[in-house]
Amino acid sequence: QLELQWGNPREGWRILSTLTIADSAFDTWSDFASEAERQQAWLPARDALLMMNRARPTVALQLRAALAAVSGGDPASSLTILALARTKADAAVLRTQVLPLEVRALTSLGRAGDAQALVAREGAQADPGTQRQFARQIAWGWVRAGEVDKARKALAGASADDDEEVSGWIALFDGDLRRARAGLRRPADATPDV
């Protein structure tokens, strides 16, 4: 708790990670993970959630750990965790929780083509709002990869509100600084890219 309050969650987790798997350790890890998530200390939260999952495996813990990983800037580990969740999740969880996280992780890695193929294969039944969200995320992945024309194509059909930030990135690549500033004024995520 002190390490978390002092802004050093990594050290707090290092101390707790040495506990032997037991009910009391699980509860301690759970408390730590919840507080780390609240403080947006994503990677220590991910590590605590993975330790909890080792003690008592559940899809819910795996999804929380995958979300923490991608939020913490480690989308590669998120994909590894999601592959584990895929083996036990039911169809509804796959469609509504696993697939969106996989798309987010893939596009964060600049693998928009893989994300696009995944959505084409598994996201056909998604509602129009989710489809627009996928299109925006895939466009963002193409922007990360420097493929501006593919990003424009991915955004086709999205509303102006949905694509404001991605359009800002496209405008930046095109050299239109006025439109880029407008689109990037309120980014969804405070990433190093922004």
N, C-alpha and C. Protein backbone atom coordinates (compact mmCIF):
# COMPACT_ATOMS: atom_id res chain seq x y z
N GLN A 1 0.83 -1.20 0.00
CA GLN A 1 0.00 0.00 0.00
C GLN A 1 0.87 1.25 0.00
N LEU A 2 1.93 1.24 0.78
CA LEU A 2 2.81 2.40 0.82
C LEU A 2 3.45 2.65 -0.54
N GLU A 3 3.93 1.59 -1.17
CA GLU A 3 4.55 1.77 -2.49
C GLU A 3 3.55 2.32 -3.50
N LEU A 4 2.32 1.84 -3.45
CA LEU A 4 1.29 2.38 -4.34
C LEU A 4 1.04 3.86 -4.05
N GLN A 5 0.93 4.20 -2.77
CA GLN A 5 0.67 5.59 -2.41
C GLN A 5 1.85 6.50 -2.76
N TRP A 6 3.05 5.97 -2.73
CA TRP A 6 4.23 6.75 -3.07
C TRP A 6 4.49 6.77 -4.57
N GLY A 7 3.60 6.17 -5.35
CA GLY A 7 3.75 6.19 -6.81
C GLY A 7 4.79 5.21 -7.32
N ASN A 8 5.01 4.13 -6.60
CA ASN A 8 5.98 3.13 -7.02
C ASN A 8 5.32 1.75 -7.06
N PRO A 9 4.32 1.58 -7.94
CA PRO A 9 3.60 0.30 -7.96
C PRO A 9 4.46 -0.89 -8.36
N ARG A 10 5.45 -0.67 -9.20
CA ARG A 10 6.32 -1.77 -9.63
C ARG A 10 7.01 -2.39 -8.41
N GLU A 11 7.51 -1.55 -7.51
CA GLU A 11 8.19 -2.04 -6.30
C GLU A 11 7.19 -2.74 -5.38
N GLY A 12 5.97 -2.18 -5.28
CA GLY A 12 4.94 -2.83 -4.48
C GLY A 12 4.63 -4.22 -4.99
N TRP A 13 4.55 -4.34 -6.32
CA TRP A 13 4.27 -5.66 -6.88
C TRP A 13 5.45 -6.61 -6.66
N ARG A 14 6.66 -6.09 -6.78
CA ARG A 14 7.84 -6.94 -6.57
C ARG A 14 7.78 -7.59 -5.18
N ILE A 15 7.38 -6.83 -4.20
CA ILE A 15 7.28 -7.35 -2.83
C ILE A 15 6.19 -8.42 -2.74
N LEU A 16 5.01 -8.12 -3.29
CA LEU A 16 3.87 -9.04 -3.18
C LEU A 16 4.02 -10.30 -4.05
N SER A 17 4.79 -10.19 -5.11
CA SER A 17 4.91 -11.33 -6.03
C SER A 17 5.62 -12.51 -5.39
N THR A 18 6.28 -12.30 -4.28
CA THR A 18 7.02 -13.40 -3.62
C THR A 18 6.13 -14.23 -2.70
N LEU A 19 4.88 -13.81 -2.51
CA LEU A 19 3.97 -14.57 -1.64
C LEU A 19 3.68 -15.94 -2.24
N THR A 20 3.57 -16.93 -1.39
CA THR A 20 3.20 -18.27 -1.81
C THR A 20 1.70 -18.28 -2.12
N ILE A 21 1.34 -19.00 -3.16
CA ILE A 21 -0.07 -19.05 -3.55
C ILE A 21 -0.89 -19.64 -2.41
N ALA A 22 -1.85 -18.83 -1.95
CA ALA A 22 -2.77 -19.22 -0.87
C ALA A 22 -3.95 -18.26 -0.93
N ASP A 23 -5.01 -18.58 -0.18
CA ASP A 23 -6.19 -17.71 -0.19
C ASP A 23 -5.86 -16.29 0.24
N SER A 24 -5.06 -16.15 1.29
CA SER A 24 -4.73 -14.80 1.76
C SER A 24 -3.88 -14.06 0.73
N ALA A 25 -2.97 -14.76 0.06
CA ALA A 25 -2.16 -14.14 -0.98
C ALA A 25 -3.05 -13.70 -2.14
N PHE A 26 -4.00 -14.56 -2.52
CA PHE A 26 -4.91 -14.22 -3.61
C PHE A 26 -5.66 -12.94 -3.29
N ASP A 27 -6.17 -12.82 -2.08
CA ASP A 27 -6.90 -11.62 -1.67
C ASP A 27 -6.01 -10.40 -1.69
N THR A 28 -4.77 -10.55 -1.26
CA THR A 28 -3.81 -9.44 -1.27
C THR A 28 -3.51 -9.02 -2.69
N TRP A 29 -3.28 -9.99 -3.58
CA TRP A 29 -3.03 -9.68 -4.99
C TRP A 29 -4.24 -8.99 -5.62
N SER A 30 -5.44 -9.45 -5.25
CA SER A 30 -6.66 -8.85 -5.78
C SER A 30 -6.78 -7.39 -5.35
N ASP A 31 -6.52 -7.13 -4.08
CA ASP A 31 -6.56 -5.74 -3.59
C ASP A 31 -5.54 -4.88 -4.32
N PHE A 32 -4.34 -5.42 -4.48
CA PHE A 32 -3.28 -4.68 -5.16
C PHE A 32 -3.68 -4.41 -6.62
N ALA A 33 -4.17 -5.43 -7.32
CA ALA A 33 -4.56 -5.27 -8.72
C ALA A 33 -5.64 -4.21 -8.88
N SER A 34 -6.64 -4.24 -8.02
CA SER A 34 -7.72 -3.25 -8.10
C SER A 34 -7.20 -1.83 -7.89
N GLU A 35 -6.34 -1.67 -6.90
CA GLU A 35 -5.78 -0.33 -6.63
C GLU A 35 -4.85 0.10 -7.76
N ALA A 36 -4.05 -0.82 -8.28
CA ALA A 36 -3.16 -0.48 -9.40
C ALA A 36 -3.98 -0.09 -10.64
N GLU A 37 -5.07 -0.80 -10.90
CA GLU A 37 -5.94 -0.42 -12.02
C GLU A 37 -6.53 0.97 -11.79
N ARG A 38 -6.96 1.22 -10.57
CA ARG A 38 -7.54 2.53 -10.26
C ARG A 38 -6.53 3.65 -10.50
N GLN A 39 -5.27 3.38 -10.17
CA GLN A 39 -4.20 4.37 -10.36
C GLN A 39 -3.63 4.35 -11.78
N GLN A 40 -4.15 3.48 -12.61
CA GLN A 40 -3.68 3.29 -13.98
C GLN A 40 -2.22 2.86 -14.05
N ALA A 41 -1.81 2.08 -13.07
CA ALA A 41 -0.50 1.44 -13.07
C ALA A 41 -0.70 0.08 -13.75
N TRP A 42 -0.86 0.14 -15.07
CA TRP A 42 -1.39 -1.00 -15.82
C TRP A 42 -0.52 -2.24 -15.78
N LEU A 43 0.79 -2.10 -15.94
CA LEU A 43 1.62 -3.30 -16.01
C LEU A 43 1.77 -4.02 -14.67
N PRO A 44 1.95 -3.31 -13.55
CA PRO A 44 1.90 -4.03 -12.28
C PRO A 44 0.52 -4.68 -12.04
N ALA A 45 -0.55 -4.00 -12.47
CA ALA A 45 -1.88 -4.59 -12.34
C ALA A 45 -1.96 -5.88 -13.16
N ARG A 46 -1.45 -5.83 -14.39
CA ARG A 46 -1.44 -7.02 -15.24
C ARG A 46 -0.71 -8.17 -14.56
N ASP A 47 0.45 -7.87 -13.98
CA ASP A 47 1.24 -8.93 -13.34
C ASP A 47 0.50 -9.54 -12.15
N ALA A 48 -0.16 -8.70 -11.37
CA ALA A 48 -0.94 -9.21 -10.24
C ALA A 48 -2.11 -10.06 -10.72
N LEU A 49 -2.78 -9.61 -11.77
CA LEU A 49 -3.91 -10.36 -12.31
C LEU A 49 -3.46 -11.71 -12.87
N LEU A 50 -2.30 -11.72 -13.50
CA LEU A 50 -1.78 -13.00 -14.02
C LEU A 50 -1.43 -13.96 -12.89
N MET A 51 -0.90 -13.43 -11.80
CA MET A 51 -0.60 -14.29 -10.65
C MET A 51 -1.90 -14.83 -10.07
N MET A 52 -2.92 -13.99 -9.98
CA MET A 52 -4.22 -14.45 -9.51
C MET A 52 -4.76 -15.54 -10.43
N ASN A 53 -4.57 -15.34 -11.73
CA ASN A 53 -5.05 -16.32 -12.70
C ASN A 53 -4.30 -17.64 -12.56
N ARG A 54 -3.03 -17.56 -12.21
CA ARG A 54 -2.28 -18.81 -11.96
C ARG A 54 -2.88 -19.58 -10.79
N ALA A 55 -3.32 -18.85 -9.76
CA ALA A 55 -3.89 -19.50 -8.58
C ALA A 55 -5.30 -20.01 -8.84
N ARG A 56 -6.11 -19.19 -9.52
CA ARG A 56 -7.51 -19.54 -9.81
C ARG A 56 -7.87 -19.05 -11.21
N PRO A 57 -7.59 -19.85 -12.21
CA PRO A 57 -7.79 -19.39 -13.59
C PRO A 57 -9.26 -19.11 -13.92
N THR A 58 -9.50 -17.92 -14.48
CA THR A 58 -10.83 -17.57 -14.99
C THR A 58 -10.65 -16.69 -16.22
N VAL A 59 -11.63 -16.73 -17.09
CA VAL A 59 -11.62 -15.88 -18.27
C VAL A 59 -11.69 -14.41 -17.86
N ALA A 60 -12.46 -14.11 -16.81
CA ALA A 60 -12.60 -12.72 -16.36
C ALA A 60 -11.24 -12.14 -15.95
N LEU A 61 -10.44 -12.90 -15.23
CA LEU A 61 -9.11 -12.43 -14.85
C LEU A 61 -8.21 -12.26 -16.07
N GLN A 62 -8.32 -13.18 -17.00
CA GLN A 62 -7.51 -13.10 -18.21
C GLN A 62 -7.87 -11.85 -19.02
N LEU A 63 -9.16 -11.54 -19.09
CA LEU A 63 -9.59 -10.35 -19.82
C LEU A 63 -9.11 -9.07 -19.13
N ARG A 64 -9.19 -9.04 -17.81
CA ARG A 64 -8.68 -7.87 -17.07
C ARG A 64 -7.18 -7.72 -17.29
N ALA A 65 -6.46 -8.82 -17.26
CA ALA A 65 -5.00 -8.77 -17.46
C ALA A 65 -4.67 -8.31 -18.88
N ALA A 66 -5.42 -8.79 -19.87
CA ALA A 66 -5.18 -8.39 -21.26
C ALA A 66 -5.47 -6.90 -21.45
N LEU A 67 -6.55 -6.41 -20.85
CA LEU A 67 -6.87 -4.99 -20.92
C LEU A 67 -5.77 -4.16 -20.26
N ALA A 68 -5.30 -4.60 -19.10
CA ALA A 68 -4.22 -3.88 -18.41
C ALA A 68 -2.95 -3.87 -19.26
N ALA A 69 -2.65 -4.98 -19.92
CA ALA A 69 -1.45 -5.05 -20.75
C ALA A 69 -1.52 -4.08 -21.92
N VAL A 70 -2.63 -4.08 -22.64
CA VAL A 70 -2.73 -3.19 -23.80
C VAL A 70 -2.82 -1.73 -23.34
N SER A 71 -3.46 -1.47 -22.23
CA SER A 71 -3.54 -0.11 -21.69
C SER A 71 -2.17 0.37 -21.21
N GLY A 72 -1.34 -0.56 -20.77
CA GLY A 72 -0.01 -0.23 -20.28
C GLY A 72 1.05 -0.18 -21.36
N GLY A 73 0.65 -0.33 -22.62
CA GLY A 73 1.60 -0.23 -23.71
C GLY A 73 2.33 -1.51 -24.03
N ASP A 74 1.77 -2.64 -23.63
CA ASP A 74 2.37 -3.94 -23.95
C ASP A 74 1.35 -4.81 -24.69
N PRO A 75 0.99 -4.41 -25.92
CA PRO A 75 -0.03 -5.16 -26.64
C PRO A 75 0.39 -6.59 -27.00
N ALA A 76 1.69 -6.83 -27.11
CA ALA A 76 2.14 -8.19 -27.43
C ALA A 76 1.76 -9.17 -26.31
N SER A 77 1.96 -8.77 -25.06
CA SER A 77 1.58 -9.67 -23.97
C SER A 77 0.06 -9.79 -23.89
N SER A 78 -0.64 -8.72 -24.27
CA SER A 78 -2.10 -8.78 -24.29
C SER A 78 -2.58 -9.88 -25.24
N LEU A 79 -1.96 -9.96 -26.42
CA LEU A 79 -2.34 -11.00 -27.38
C LEU A 79 -2.07 -12.40 -26.83
N THR A 80 -0.98 -12.56 -26.12
CA THR A 80 -0.66 -13.86 -25.51
C THR A 80 -1.72 -14.25 -24.49
N ILE A 81 -2.12 -13.28 -23.67
CA ILE A 81 -3.14 -13.54 -22.64
C ILE A 81 -4.48 -13.84 -23.31
N LEU A 82 -4.81 -13.09 -24.37
CA LEU A 82 -6.09 -13.30 -25.06
C LEU A 82 -6.15 -14.67 -25.74
N ALA A 83 -5.01 -15.15 -26.21
CA ALA A 83 -4.99 -16.49 -26.80
C ALA A 83 -5.38 -17.54 -25.76
N LEU A 84 -4.96 -17.32 -24.52
CA LEU A 84 -5.34 -18.22 -23.42
C LEU A 84 -6.84 -18.09 -23.13
N ALA A 85 -7.34 -16.86 -23.10
CA ALA A 85 -8.77 -16.64 -22.84
C ALA A 85 -9.63 -17.25 -23.94
N ARG A 86 -9.15 -17.21 -25.16
CA ARG A 86 -9.89 -17.75 -26.31
C ARG A 86 -10.23 -19.23 -26.13
N THR A 87 -9.37 -19.96 -25.45
CA THR A 87 -9.57 -21.41 -25.31
C THR A 87 -10.72 -21.74 -24.37
N LYS A 88 -11.12 -20.80 -23.49
CA LYS A 88 -12.15 -21.10 -22.50
C LYS A 88 -13.38 -20.21 -22.57
N ALA A 89 -13.32 -19.13 -23.34
CA ALA A 89 -14.43 -18.17 -23.39
C ALA A 89 -15.56 -18.71 -24.27
N ASP A 90 -16.79 -18.36 -23.88
CA ASP A 90 -17.92 -18.75 -24.72
C ASP A 90 -18.05 -17.78 -25.90
N ALA A 91 -18.95 -18.09 -26.82
CA ALA A 91 -19.08 -17.31 -28.07
C ALA A 91 -19.41 -15.85 -27.80
N ALA A 92 -20.27 -15.57 -26.84
CA ALA A 92 -20.65 -14.18 -26.56
C ALA A 92 -19.47 -13.39 -26.03
N VAL A 93 -18.69 -13.97 -25.14
CA VAL A 93 -17.51 -13.29 -24.59
C VAL A 93 -16.47 -13.09 -25.68
N LEU A 94 -16.30 -14.08 -26.54
CA LEU A 94 -15.36 -13.94 -27.66
C LEU A 94 -15.74 -12.75 -28.54
N ARG A 95 -17.02 -12.64 -28.85
CA ARG A 95 -17.49 -11.60 -29.76
C ARG A 95 -17.45 -10.21 -29.11
N THR A 96 -17.86 -10.11 -27.84
CA THR A 96 -18.02 -8.80 -27.22
C THR A 96 -16.81 -8.31 -26.44
N GLN A 97 -15.93 -9.22 -26.01
CA GLN A 97 -14.81 -8.79 -25.18
C GLN A 97 -13.45 -9.16 -25.75
N VAL A 98 -13.29 -10.42 -26.17
CA VAL A 98 -11.99 -10.85 -26.68
C VAL A 98 -11.67 -10.18 -28.01
N LEU A 99 -12.60 -10.22 -28.95
CA LEU A 99 -12.35 -9.65 -30.27
C LEU A 99 -11.98 -8.17 -30.22
N PRO A 100 -12.72 -7.31 -29.49
CA PRO A 100 -12.32 -5.90 -29.44
C PRO A 100 -10.92 -5.68 -28.84
N LEU A 101 -10.58 -6.46 -27.82
CA LEU A 101 -9.23 -6.34 -27.25
C LEU A 101 -8.16 -6.81 -28.22
N GLU A 102 -8.44 -7.88 -28.95
CA GLU A 102 -7.48 -8.35 -29.95
C GLU A 102 -7.26 -7.31 -31.04
N VAL A 103 -8.35 -6.70 -31.50
CA VAL A 103 -8.24 -5.66 -32.53
C VAL A 103 -7.41 -4.49 -32.00
N ARG A 104 -7.69 -4.08 -30.77
CA ARG A 104 -6.93 -2.97 -30.17
C ARG A 104 -5.44 -3.32 -30.06
N ALA A 105 -5.14 -4.54 -29.61
CA ALA A 105 -3.74 -4.95 -29.45
C ALA A 105 -3.04 -5.04 -30.81
N LEU A 106 -3.69 -5.65 -31.78
CA LEU A 106 -3.08 -5.78 -33.11
C LEU A 106 -2.81 -4.42 -33.74
N THR A 107 -3.77 -3.52 -33.64
CA THR A 107 -3.57 -2.20 -34.25
C THR A 107 -2.53 -1.39 -33.49
N SER A 108 -2.42 -1.60 -32.18
CA SER A 108 -1.37 -0.93 -31.41
C SER A 108 0.01 -1.39 -31.86
N LEU A 109 0.09 -2.62 -32.33
CA LEU A 109 1.35 -3.16 -32.85
C LEU A 109 1.59 -2.78 -34.31
N GLY A 110 0.65 -2.05 -34.92
CA GLY A 110 0.77 -1.70 -36.33
C GLY A 110 0.40 -2.83 -37.27
N ARG A 111 -0.33 -3.82 -36.74
CA ARG A 111 -0.72 -4.98 -37.55
C ARG A 111 -2.19 -4.84 -37.98
N ALA A 112 -2.47 -3.73 -38.65
CA ALA A 112 -3.84 -3.44 -39.06
C ALA A 112 -4.39 -4.48 -40.02
N GLY A 113 -3.55 -5.02 -40.88
CA GLY A 113 -4.00 -6.05 -41.82
C GLY A 113 -4.51 -7.28 -41.08
N ASP A 114 -3.80 -7.69 -40.04
CA ASP A 114 -4.23 -8.83 -39.24
C ASP A 114 -5.54 -8.51 -38.52
N ALA A 115 -5.65 -7.28 -38.00
CA ALA A 115 -6.89 -6.87 -37.32
C ALA A 115 -8.05 -6.85 -38.29
N GLN A 116 -7.81 -6.36 -39.49
CA GLN A 116 -8.87 -6.30 -40.51
C GLN A 116 -9.34 -7.70 -40.89
N ALA A 117 -8.40 -8.61 -41.04
CA ALA A 117 -8.76 -10.00 -41.37
C ALA A 117 -9.54 -10.64 -40.23
N LEU A 118 -9.14 -10.37 -39.00
CA LEU A 118 -9.83 -10.91 -37.83
C LEU A 118 -11.26 -10.41 -37.75
N VAL A 119 -11.45 -9.11 -37.98
CA VAL A 119 -12.80 -8.54 -37.96
C VAL A 119 -13.64 -9.12 -39.09
N ALA A 120 -13.05 -9.27 -40.27
CA ALA A 120 -13.79 -9.85 -41.41
C ALA A 120 -14.22 -11.27 -41.10
N ARG A 121 -13.36 -12.01 -40.40
CA ARG A 121 -13.64 -13.41 -40.09
C ARG A 121 -14.62 -13.57 -38.92
N GLU A 122 -14.50 -12.71 -37.89
CA GLU A 122 -15.26 -12.95 -36.67
C GLU A 122 -16.20 -11.81 -36.26
N GLY A 123 -16.13 -10.67 -36.93
CA GLY A 123 -16.91 -9.52 -36.48
C GLY A 123 -18.10 -9.18 -37.32
N ALA A 124 -18.51 -10.08 -38.21
CA ALA A 124 -19.61 -9.79 -39.12
C ALA A 124 -20.93 -9.56 -38.40
N GLN A 125 -21.13 -10.18 -37.25
CA GLN A 125 -22.40 -10.06 -36.54
C GLN A 125 -22.45 -8.87 -35.58
N ALA A 126 -21.39 -8.10 -35.54
CA ALA A 126 -21.34 -6.95 -34.63
C ALA A 126 -22.34 -5.89 -35.07
N ASP A 127 -22.86 -5.15 -34.10
CA ASP A 127 -23.81 -4.07 -34.40
C ASP A 127 -23.08 -2.94 -35.13
N PRO A 128 -23.83 -2.02 -35.77
CA PRO A 128 -23.20 -0.94 -36.55
C PRO A 128 -22.24 -0.07 -35.72
N GLY A 129 -22.57 0.19 -34.46
CA GLY A 129 -21.67 0.98 -33.62
C GLY A 129 -20.34 0.30 -33.40
N THR A 130 -20.39 -1.00 -33.16
CA THR A 130 -19.16 -1.77 -32.96
C THR A 130 -18.38 -1.85 -34.27
N GLN A 131 -19.09 -1.99 -35.39
CA GLN A 131 -18.43 -2.02 -36.70
C GLN A 131 -17.66 -0.71 -36.94
N ARG A 132 -18.30 0.44 -36.58
CA ARG A 132 -17.62 1.73 -36.74
C ARG A 132 -16.40 1.81 -35.82
N GLN A 133 -16.54 1.27 -34.62
CA GLN A 133 -15.41 1.27 -33.69
C GLN A 133 -14.25 0.43 -34.25
N PHE A 134 -14.57 -0.73 -34.82
CA PHE A 134 -13.54 -1.55 -35.45
C PHE A 134 -12.88 -0.80 -36.60
N ALA A 135 -13.70 -0.15 -37.44
CA ALA A 135 -13.16 0.59 -38.59
C ALA A 135 -12.20 1.68 -38.12
N ARG A 136 -12.60 2.39 -37.07
CA ARG A 136 -11.76 3.46 -36.53
C ARG A 136 -10.45 2.88 -35.99
N GLN A 137 -10.54 1.78 -35.26
CA GLN A 137 -9.35 1.16 -34.68
C GLN A 137 -8.42 0.65 -35.78
N ILE A 138 -8.99 0.05 -36.81
CA ILE A 138 -8.17 -0.46 -37.92
C ILE A 138 -7.51 0.70 -38.67
N ALA A 139 -8.26 1.77 -38.88
CA ALA A 139 -7.68 2.95 -39.52
C ALA A 139 -6.51 3.47 -38.69
N TRP A 140 -6.70 3.49 -37.37
CA TRP A 140 -5.63 3.91 -36.47
C TRP A 140 -4.41 3.00 -36.63
N GLY A 141 -4.62 1.71 -36.78
CA GLY A 141 -3.51 0.78 -37.00
C GLY A 141 -2.78 1.06 -38.31
N TRP A 142 -3.55 1.39 -39.35
CA TRP A 142 -2.92 1.72 -40.63
C TRP A 142 -2.12 3.01 -40.51
N VAL A 143 -2.64 3.97 -39.76
CA VAL A 143 -1.89 5.22 -39.53
C VAL A 143 -0.58 4.90 -38.82
N ARG A 144 -0.63 4.06 -37.80
CA ARG A 144 0.59 3.67 -37.08
C ARG A 144 1.61 3.03 -38.01
N ALA A 145 1.11 2.28 -38.99
CA ALA A 145 2.01 1.62 -39.95
C ALA A 145 2.43 2.55 -41.08
N GLY A 146 1.90 3.78 -41.10
CA GLY A 146 2.25 4.74 -42.15
C GLY A 146 1.50 4.52 -43.45
N GLU A 147 0.43 3.75 -43.43
CA GLU A 147 -0.35 3.43 -44.62
C GLU A 147 -1.60 4.32 -44.65
N VAL A 148 -1.42 5.57 -45.04
CA VAL A 148 -2.49 6.57 -44.95
C VAL A 148 -3.66 6.24 -45.89
N ASP A 149 -3.37 5.78 -47.09
CA ASP A 149 -4.47 5.45 -48.03
C ASP A 149 -5.33 4.31 -47.49
N LYS A 150 -4.69 3.32 -46.89
CA LYS A 150 -5.45 2.21 -46.31
C LYS A 150 -6.26 2.69 -45.10
N ALA A 151 -5.72 3.65 -44.36
CA ALA A 151 -6.46 4.22 -43.23
C ALA A 151 -7.72 4.93 -43.72
N ARG A 152 -7.60 5.70 -44.79
CA ARG A 152 -8.77 6.38 -45.38
C ARG A 152 -9.84 5.37 -45.79
N LYS A 153 -9.41 4.28 -46.43
CA LYS A 153 -10.36 3.25 -46.87
C LYS A 153 -11.04 2.60 -45.67
N ALA A 154 -10.28 2.36 -44.61
CA ALA A 154 -10.85 1.74 -43.41
C ALA A 154 -11.89 2.65 -42.77
N LEU A 155 -11.72 3.96 -42.89
CA LEU A 155 -12.65 4.91 -42.29
C LEU A 155 -13.90 5.15 -43.13
N ALA A 156 -13.93 4.66 -44.34
CA ALA A 156 -15.09 4.88 -45.20
C ALA A 156 -16.35 4.41 -44.49
N GLY A 157 -17.32 5.30 -44.37
CA GLY A 157 -18.58 4.96 -43.73
C GLY A 157 -18.65 5.33 -42.27
N ALA A 158 -17.53 5.69 -41.65
CA ALA A 158 -17.56 6.12 -40.24
C ALA A 158 -18.02 7.56 -40.18
N SER A 159 -18.68 7.93 -39.10
CA SER A 159 -19.15 9.31 -38.96
C SER A 159 -18.00 10.23 -38.62
N ALA A 160 -18.20 11.52 -38.78
CA ALA A 160 -17.16 12.50 -38.49
C ALA A 160 -16.74 12.43 -37.03
N ASP A 161 -17.67 12.18 -36.12
CA ASP A 161 -17.32 12.09 -34.71
C ASP A 161 -16.41 10.90 -34.44
N ASP A 162 -16.69 9.79 -35.12
CA ASP A 162 -15.92 8.57 -34.88
C ASP A 162 -14.49 8.68 -35.37
N ASP A 163 -14.26 9.46 -36.42
CA ASP A 163 -12.93 9.45 -37.02
C ASP A 163 -12.15 10.73 -36.81
N GLU A 164 -12.57 11.60 -35.89
CA GLU A 164 -11.90 12.89 -35.72
C GLU A 164 -10.41 12.74 -35.41
N GLU A 165 -10.07 11.89 -34.45
CA GLU A 165 -8.67 11.73 -34.08
C GLU A 165 -7.87 11.07 -35.20
N VAL A 166 -8.42 10.00 -35.77
CA VAL A 166 -7.71 9.31 -36.86
C VAL A 166 -7.55 10.25 -38.05
N SER A 167 -8.59 11.03 -38.34
CA SER A 167 -8.49 12.02 -39.42
C SER A 167 -7.40 13.04 -39.12
N GLY A 168 -7.25 13.37 -37.84
CA GLY A 168 -6.17 14.28 -37.45
C GLY A 168 -4.80 13.71 -37.77
N TRP A 169 -4.63 12.42 -37.50
CA TRP A 169 -3.35 11.77 -37.82
C TRP A 169 -3.14 11.72 -39.34
N ILE A 170 -4.20 11.42 -40.07
CA ILE A 170 -4.08 11.38 -41.53
C ILE A 170 -3.71 12.78 -42.05
N ALA A 171 -4.35 13.81 -41.49
CA ALA A 171 -4.04 15.18 -41.89
C ALA A 171 -2.58 15.51 -41.59
N LEU A 172 -2.07 15.03 -40.46
CA LEU A 172 -0.67 15.27 -40.11
C LEU A 172 0.25 14.64 -41.15
N PHE A 173 -0.05 13.41 -41.55
CA PHE A 173 0.75 12.74 -42.58
C PHE A 173 0.67 13.49 -43.91
N ASP A 174 -0.51 14.09 -44.18
CA ASP A 174 -0.68 14.83 -45.43
C ASP A 174 -0.08 16.22 -45.38
N GLY A 175 0.35 16.67 -44.19
CA GLY A 175 0.93 18.00 -44.05
C GLY A 175 -0.09 19.09 -43.78
N ASP A 176 -1.34 18.73 -43.50
CA ASP A 176 -2.40 19.71 -43.21
C ASP A 176 -2.41 19.93 -41.70
N LEU A 177 -1.57 20.85 -41.23
CA LEU A 177 -1.40 21.04 -39.79
C LEU A 177 -2.63 21.62 -39.12
N ARG A 178 -3.39 22.45 -39.81
CA ARG A 178 -4.59 23.03 -39.20
C ARG A 178 -5.59 21.93 -38.86
N ARG A 179 -5.87 21.05 -39.81
CA ARG A 179 -6.80 19.93 -39.56
C ARG A 179 -6.21 18.94 -38.55
N ALA A 180 -4.90 18.74 -38.59
CA ALA A 180 -4.25 17.83 -37.65
C ALA A 180 -4.40 18.35 -36.22
N ARG A 181 -4.17 19.64 -36.01
CA ARG A 181 -4.32 20.21 -34.67
C ARG A 181 -5.75 20.05 -34.18
N ALA A 182 -6.71 20.30 -35.06
CA ALA A 182 -8.12 20.18 -34.67
C ALA A 182 -8.46 18.74 -34.29
N GLY A 183 -7.98 17.78 -35.05
CA GLY A 183 -8.30 16.38 -34.79
C GLY A 183 -7.58 15.79 -33.60
N LEU A 184 -6.41 16.33 -33.28
CA LEU A 184 -5.61 15.77 -32.20
C LEU A 184 -5.71 16.57 -30.91
N ARG A 185 -6.59 17.53 -30.88
CA ARG A 185 -6.73 18.39 -29.70
C ARG A 185 -7.16 17.60 -28.47
N ARG A 186 -8.09 16.68 -28.64
CA ARG A 186 -8.60 15.89 -27.51
C ARG A 186 -8.44 14.40 -27.84
N PRO A 187 -7.23 13.88 -27.69
CA PRO A 187 -7.01 12.46 -28.03
C PRO A 187 -7.70 11.53 -27.05
N ALA A 188 -8.12 10.39 -27.54
CA ALA A 188 -8.78 9.38 -26.71
C ALA A 188 -7.80 8.80 -25.70
N ASP A 189 -6.55 8.59 -26.12
CA ASP A 189 -5.53 8.01 -25.25
C ASP A 189 -4.33 8.94 -25.18
N ALA A 190 -3.76 9.11 -24.01
CA ALA A 190 -2.56 9.92 -23.85
C ALA A 190 -1.35 9.01 -24.13
N THR A 191 -1.10 8.77 -25.40
CA THR A 191 -0.01 7.87 -25.79
C THR A 191 1.25 8.68 -26.10
N PRO A 192 2.40 8.05 -26.12
CA PRO A 192 3.61 8.76 -26.52
C PRO A 192 3.50 9.32 -27.94
N ASP A 193 2.74 8.65 -28.83
CA ASP A 193 2.54 9.15 -30.19
C ASP A 193 1.92 10.54 -30.17
N VAL A 194 0.88 10.72 -29.34
CA VAL A 194 0.20 12.01 -29.26
C VAL A 194 1.18 13.07 -28.75
